[in-house]
Structure formats: structure tokens, C-alpha cells
Protein backbone atom coordinates (compact mmCIF):
# COMPACT_ATOMS: atom_id res chain seq x y z
CA MET A 1 179.39 131.40 60.67
CA THR A 2 179.28 132.97 64.14
CA GLU A 3 175.92 134.56 64.93
CA LYS A 4 175.82 138.27 65.62
CA GLN A 5 174.60 138.74 69.19
CA THR A 6 171.66 141.14 69.37
CA PRO A 7 170.48 142.29 72.82
CA LEU A 8 166.76 141.58 73.02
CA PRO A 9 164.50 144.32 74.41
CA ASP A 10 161.61 143.58 76.75
CA LEU A 11 159.17 141.54 74.66
CA SER A 12 156.07 143.24 76.03
CA GLY A 13 157.49 146.49 74.70
CA VAL A 14 158.21 144.84 71.35
CA VAL A 15 154.56 143.76 71.07
CA ASP A 16 153.45 147.33 71.74
CA VAL A 17 155.76 148.64 69.01
CA PHE A 18 154.53 146.02 66.55
CA VAL A 19 150.87 146.76 67.32
CA GLU A 20 151.33 150.50 66.86
CA ALA A 21 153.21 150.00 63.61
CA ALA A 22 150.63 147.52 62.29
CA LEU A 23 147.71 149.85 63.05
CA ALA A 24 149.42 152.76 61.30
CA ALA A 25 150.23 150.54 58.30
CA GLY A 26 146.65 149.30 58.18
CA ALA A 27 145.35 152.85 58.04
CA ALA A 28 147.71 153.55 55.14
CA ILE A 29 146.49 150.44 53.30
CA LEU A 30 142.81 151.32 53.72
CA GLN A 31 143.36 154.57 51.83
CA PHE A 32 143.88 152.45 48.70
CA TRP A 33 141.43 149.59 49.38
CA ARG A 34 138.65 149.16 46.79
CA LYS A 35 139.84 152.28 44.97
CA GLY A 36 141.46 150.67 41.95
CA ALA A 37 145.06 151.03 43.07
CA PRO A 38 147.41 150.31 40.14
CA VAL A 39 149.03 146.88 40.21
CA ARG A 40 152.42 145.90 38.86
CA SER A 41 154.30 142.59 38.87
CA LYS A 42 157.57 142.11 40.72
CA ALA A 43 160.48 140.10 39.33
CA ASP A 44 159.06 136.89 40.81
CA GLY A 45 155.67 137.51 39.20
CA SER A 46 153.85 138.39 42.42
CA PRO A 47 151.70 141.54 42.46
CA VAL A 48 152.51 144.73 44.34
CA THR A 49 150.47 147.92 44.77
CA GLN A 50 151.00 151.38 46.18
CA ALA A 51 149.32 150.13 49.34
CA ASP A 52 152.11 147.57 49.88
CA LEU A 53 154.74 150.27 49.51
CA ALA A 54 152.95 152.82 51.70
CA ALA A 55 152.50 150.28 54.50
CA ASN A 56 156.13 149.19 54.19
CA SER A 57 157.35 152.77 54.55
CA VAL A 58 155.23 153.31 57.68
CA ILE A 59 156.44 150.11 59.35
CA LEU A 60 160.13 150.54 58.56
CA GLU A 61 160.13 154.12 59.81
CA ARG A 62 158.56 153.12 63.13
CA LEU A 63 160.81 150.10 63.61
CA SER A 64 163.93 152.13 62.87
CA ARG A 65 162.99 154.59 65.60
CA ALA A 66 161.81 152.14 68.26
CA LEU A 67 164.12 149.14 67.64
CA PRO A 68 167.16 150.49 65.79
CA ALA A 69 169.52 147.70 66.88
CA ILE A 70 167.47 144.88 65.33
CA PRO A 71 167.86 144.30 61.57
CA VAL A 72 164.70 144.07 59.46
CA VAL A 73 163.87 141.88 56.48
CA SER A 74 160.78 143.04 54.59
CA GLU A 75 159.11 141.65 51.50
CA GLU A 76 159.04 145.12 49.97
CA ALA A 77 162.59 146.20 50.77
CA GLU A 78 166.06 145.00 49.98
CA GLN A 79 167.03 142.13 52.25
CA PRO A 80 169.72 143.65 54.49
CA ALA A 81 173.02 141.81 54.79
CA ALA A 82 172.90 142.69 58.50
CA ALA A 83 170.18 140.07 59.05
CA ARG A 84 172.37 137.27 57.73
CA GLY A 85 174.12 135.63 60.62
CA ALA A 86 172.16 137.70 63.17
CA ASP A 87 170.65 135.75 66.05
CA ALA A 88 167.67 138.14 66.12
CA PHE A 89 165.90 140.04 63.34
CA ILE A 90 162.45 141.27 62.36
CA LEU A 91 160.40 139.92 59.46
CA VAL A 92 157.81 142.18 57.83
CA ASP A 93 155.11 141.57 55.26
CA PRO A 94 153.42 144.98 54.99
CA LEU A 95 150.48 143.58 53.01
CA ASP A 96 150.04 139.82 53.10
CA GLY A 97 147.31 138.68 50.75
CA THR A 98 147.85 141.26 48.03
CA LYS A 99 145.61 139.23 45.70
CA GLU A 100 142.78 139.41 48.25
CA PHE A 101 143.38 143.15 48.57
CA ILE A 102 143.28 143.63 44.79
CA HIS A 103 140.02 141.65 44.54
CA GLY A 104 138.43 143.83 47.22
CA THR A 105 138.03 141.14 49.87
CA GLU A 106 138.79 141.68 53.57
CA GLU A 107 141.29 138.84 54.06
CA PHE A 108 144.59 140.72 53.87
CA THR A 109 146.92 141.39 56.78
CA VAL A 110 149.90 143.30 58.09
CA ASN A 111 152.50 140.87 59.49
CA ILE A 112 155.39 141.76 61.82
CA ALA A 113 157.47 139.20 63.74
CA LEU A 114 160.63 139.01 65.83
CA ILE A 115 162.84 136.01 65.13
CA HIS A 116 165.37 134.77 67.68
CA LEU A 117 167.61 131.76 67.13
CA GLY A 118 165.46 130.59 64.23
CA LYS A 119 162.12 130.81 66.05
CA PRO A 120 159.33 133.42 65.90
CA ILE A 121 159.09 134.62 69.51
CA CYS A 122 156.83 137.64 69.07
CA GLY A 123 154.37 138.47 66.31
CA VAL A 124 151.43 140.62 65.29
CA VAL A 125 148.89 139.92 62.55
CA PHE A 126 146.47 142.74 61.76
CA ALA A 127 143.51 142.48 59.37
CA PRO A 128 142.61 146.18 58.90
CA ALA A 129 139.48 145.64 56.77
CA MET A 130 138.10 143.18 59.35
CA GLY A 131 138.97 145.18 62.46
CA ARG A 132 140.78 142.14 63.91
CA ILE A 133 144.27 141.83 65.36
CA TRP A 134 146.19 138.91 66.87
CA THR A 135 149.38 138.93 68.93
CA GLY A 136 151.62 136.17 70.21
CA CYS A 137 154.57 136.52 72.55
CA ALA A 138 156.17 133.73 74.60
CA THR A 139 153.17 131.78 75.97
CA ARG A 140 150.54 134.52 75.69
CA ALA A 141 148.33 134.83 72.63
CA ARG A 142 145.54 137.38 72.23
CA SER A 143 142.88 138.38 69.76
CA GLY A 144 141.62 141.93 69.55
CA ALA A 145 138.73 143.80 67.94
CA LEU A 146 138.73 147.47 66.98
CA ALA A 147 136.95 149.92 64.72
CA ILE A 148 138.02 149.79 61.09
CA GLY A 149 140.55 152.55 60.48
CA ALA A 150 141.37 153.00 64.18
CA THR A 151 145.03 153.66 65.00
CA ASP A 152 144.91 153.99 68.81
CA PRO A 153 145.95 150.72 70.54
CA ALA A 154 143.96 151.79 73.62
CA THR A 155 140.73 151.19 71.68
CA ILE A 156 141.44 147.48 71.11
CA ALA A 157 139.19 145.06 73.01
CA TRP A 158 141.49 142.14 73.83
CA SER A 159 140.77 138.53 74.76
CA GLU A 160 143.12 135.63 75.52
CA ILE A 161 143.14 132.78 72.99
CA GLY A 162 144.51 129.26 72.78
CA CYS A 163 144.40 126.19 70.58
CA ARG A 164 141.53 123.81 71.25
CA ALA A 165 141.82 120.13 72.09
CA ALA A 166 142.21 118.09 68.92
CA PRO A 167 138.92 116.51 67.80
CA GLU A 168 138.66 113.05 66.24
CA LYS A 169 138.30 114.64 62.82
CA PRO A 170 140.36 117.82 62.70
CA VAL A 171 139.00 120.86 60.88
CA ALA A 172 141.48 122.28 58.40
CA VAL A 173 141.90 125.79 57.09
CA VAL A 174 143.42 126.11 53.62
CA SER A 175 144.63 128.80 51.26
CA ARG A 176 141.84 130.46 49.29
CA SER A 177 144.21 131.33 46.44
CA HIS A 178 146.56 128.34 46.45
CA LEU A 179 144.56 125.16 47.09
CA ASP A 180 146.48 122.50 45.15
CA GLN A 181 146.06 118.76 44.65
CA GLU A 182 148.78 117.94 47.18
CA THR A 183 146.79 119.74 49.86
CA LYS A 184 143.57 117.97 48.86
CA ASP A 185 145.33 114.61 49.05
CA TRP A 186 146.77 115.47 52.47
CA LEU A 187 143.32 116.41 53.77
CA ALA A 188 141.93 113.08 52.58
CA ARG A 189 144.80 111.04 54.08
CA ASN A 190 144.44 112.77 57.43
CA LYS A 191 140.64 112.34 57.53
CA CYS A 192 139.92 116.01 58.10
CA GLY A 193 136.35 116.80 59.03
CA GLY A 194 136.20 119.88 56.81
CA ALA A 195 138.35 122.45 55.07
CA ALA A 196 137.55 126.16 55.27
CA PRO A 197 139.27 128.50 52.80
CA SER A 198 140.87 131.69 54.07
CA GLY A 199 143.43 134.24 52.95
CA SER A 200 146.76 135.55 54.25
CA SER A 201 148.09 134.82 57.76
CA ILE A 202 144.57 134.66 59.15
CA LYS A 203 144.79 130.89 58.67
CA PHE A 204 147.41 130.59 61.42
CA CYS A 205 145.27 132.75 63.69
CA LEU A 206 142.16 130.62 63.16
CA VAL A 207 144.11 127.60 64.43
CA ALA A 208 145.51 129.68 67.30
CA GLU A 209 142.07 130.75 68.50
CA GLY A 210 140.53 127.29 68.19
CA ALA A 211 138.34 127.90 65.13
CA ALA A 212 140.34 125.24 63.21
CA ASP A 213 142.88 122.55 64.05
CA VAL A 214 145.37 122.35 61.21
CA TYR A 215 146.68 124.37 58.27
CA PRO A 216 148.66 122.44 55.62
CA ARG A 217 150.59 124.32 52.95
CA PHE A 218 152.56 122.68 50.15
CA GLY A 219 152.94 125.64 47.80
CA ARG A 220 155.58 128.36 47.85
CA THR A 221 155.69 130.76 50.79
CA MET A 222 158.33 133.09 52.20
CA GLU A 223 159.37 133.60 55.79
CA TRP A 224 157.64 136.99 56.00
CA ASP A 225 154.39 135.31 54.94
CA THR A 226 154.39 132.93 57.90
CA ALA A 227 156.46 134.29 60.80
CA ALA A 228 153.89 136.54 62.49
CA GLY A 229 151.05 134.04 62.27
CA ASP A 230 153.41 131.27 63.38
CA ALA A 231 154.38 133.34 66.43
CA VAL A 232 150.71 133.73 67.37
CA LEU A 233 150.12 130.01 66.91
CA ARG A 234 153.12 128.94 68.99
CA ALA A 235 152.15 131.33 71.80
CA ALA A 236 148.65 129.81 71.72
CA GLY A 237 150.04 126.30 72.28
CA GLY A 238 150.39 125.15 68.66
CA ARG A 239 153.38 124.47 66.45
CA THR A 240 154.51 124.51 62.83
CA GLU A 241 156.47 121.65 61.28
CA THR A 242 157.80 120.77 57.86
CA ILE A 243 155.78 118.24 55.87
CA GLU A 244 158.26 115.61 57.10
CA GLY A 245 157.72 116.60 60.74
CA ALA A 246 161.00 118.47 61.25
CA ALA A 247 161.38 121.80 63.04
CA PHE A 248 160.28 124.82 60.99
CA ILE A 249 163.23 127.23 61.07
CA TYR A 250 163.55 130.93 60.19
CA GLY A 251 166.56 132.87 58.98
CA LYS A 252 167.22 131.01 55.74
CA GLY A 253 168.86 133.99 54.08
CA GLU A 254 170.99 131.79 51.85
CA ASP A 255 167.74 130.49 50.30
CA GLY A 256 166.26 133.96 49.88
CA TYR A 257 164.09 133.40 52.98
CA ALA A 258 161.99 130.79 51.15
CA ASN A 259 160.02 128.23 53.17
CA PRO A 260 159.57 124.52 52.60
CA GLY A 261 156.09 123.04 52.74
CA PHE A 262 154.63 122.93 56.24
CA VAL A 263 151.77 121.93 58.49
CA ALA A 264 150.63 124.31 61.24
CA LYS A 265 148.88 122.44 64.04
CA GLY A 266 146.94 123.20 67.17
CA ALA A 267 146.91 120.96 70.25
CA ARG A 268 149.10 117.85 70.30
CA GLY A 269 147.46 115.06 68.42
CA GLY A 270 146.00 117.55 65.93
């Protein structure tokens, strides 16, 4: 099928829009955090709370105003037919790590990414309860710190980040909620020097900023779970591959935007 040509805006402006939307969504989420927000199960069995829906509403409203020509696929909204066959679209997970959010931990994020020709070319990951934000666009990746609950991008203290040189024994970061036997076996085969558990898209960002070297994931994920963190990682000099070593592609609408297993890696040789 012929791809629908979408004119791309200036990517630095896209990052600014994503950051502003993520901060506003994070503020909406924090209104429900550790306050016993009711939880219900979606059709696929995954949990959703009012915080997910509030953040989704904030993000979609801002994206529709700032980037109206680019279709959006969000975990908490109907997947628009307009994104199928489009060469560019936005992926949104308004609250990644809902289980962490429900349990009152800090490891949940807001994820927003721009996909172009199957690759994440711009992304923002925001951890509102940690006061940490990461961005990746082209070959520039940054980490930022801000006060919890802040919504003004001007208050973010930014620093440049990049993947570290691969050590002899790579340090892995793994899912706190989904550590399975396949992952344990992979860690053993690849002689990893340690495995730190973490939640949500923060795992990609830890590899991007050189705190870890590899993130293997065999269990089920969706494109909106990975795209923003993957964008940060790629901008920091890393890459994401399938378990078999093939390119990790986005825009699999015919598969419901489901991902295969993958390994996110830092510097070459990692």
C-alpha cells in the first residue's frame, strides 16, 4: 500500500511540543498518585486508572492543536485508521507502568514519540514522580531534572547524555514486573555483569545515559510502550533490535501495534 506523505515539522519544535504535553500530563497523573485511584481491567486484561485517561486527554488535546496534520496512536484511544499507511505518526502511552503507579512506586512515565518511515526519530520520556525527563531527537539526547509537579519547561535543568563504551561484562536493566525465565537465560548466555530491575520506559533511558548497557525483553510489549524510550536510546548512540538481530520496526498496525521480543543496546559491542 502506498504510504501517505506527511510533511514533517521542524523536529526541535516537535520536541518542545512533546515536552510541554508530557509535563502537563504528568501534573494530571500526580493528582491521582498514591490516592487510591480506582482500577479497572481493559479487554486485554491490563489495568487502567483515571490517571491514564486524564493524561491521555491532556496529551491528545495539545497534539491536536500543535501538530494537527500528524495522526496519533495512543494506548488509551481508538487506533485511528489514518495512521495506517502513513509515513509519519505519533505514538502515545499516557501512563507507562500503570502497575508501578498503582503500587505507589515512582517508576511510571509519560511516553510520546514521532515515528517516520518505521523509525522513532523524536521522543520524550517523563517520570513525573521522579522529576526526571529524557528527550531524543536525531543525534541529540538529553536528560533533565525538574521539581516534582512543575509544568514550565524553562525550569528543566538539562544535560547531554550518550551511551557508554561497552564493558567486558555488560550491565543489564530488566523489567521489574515481567522478569521471565527467557530473560534470565539470556543474561546468563551473554555473561552480563549484573541485572538491575526497573519499571516503564526508564530502562531505555538508563542505557541511553550510560547507567546500563543492555535491556532484553522477551515478553509482550506494544509500540507505544517502547517508541519514546527507543528514540532517546537511538539519539544517544544506541539501537534496538529483534531477538534475532533484525531491525526493530514501528507502524505494525496490521498486528495491533504489537512488538516482537527485542534487545536494546548501548555502544556497539554491547
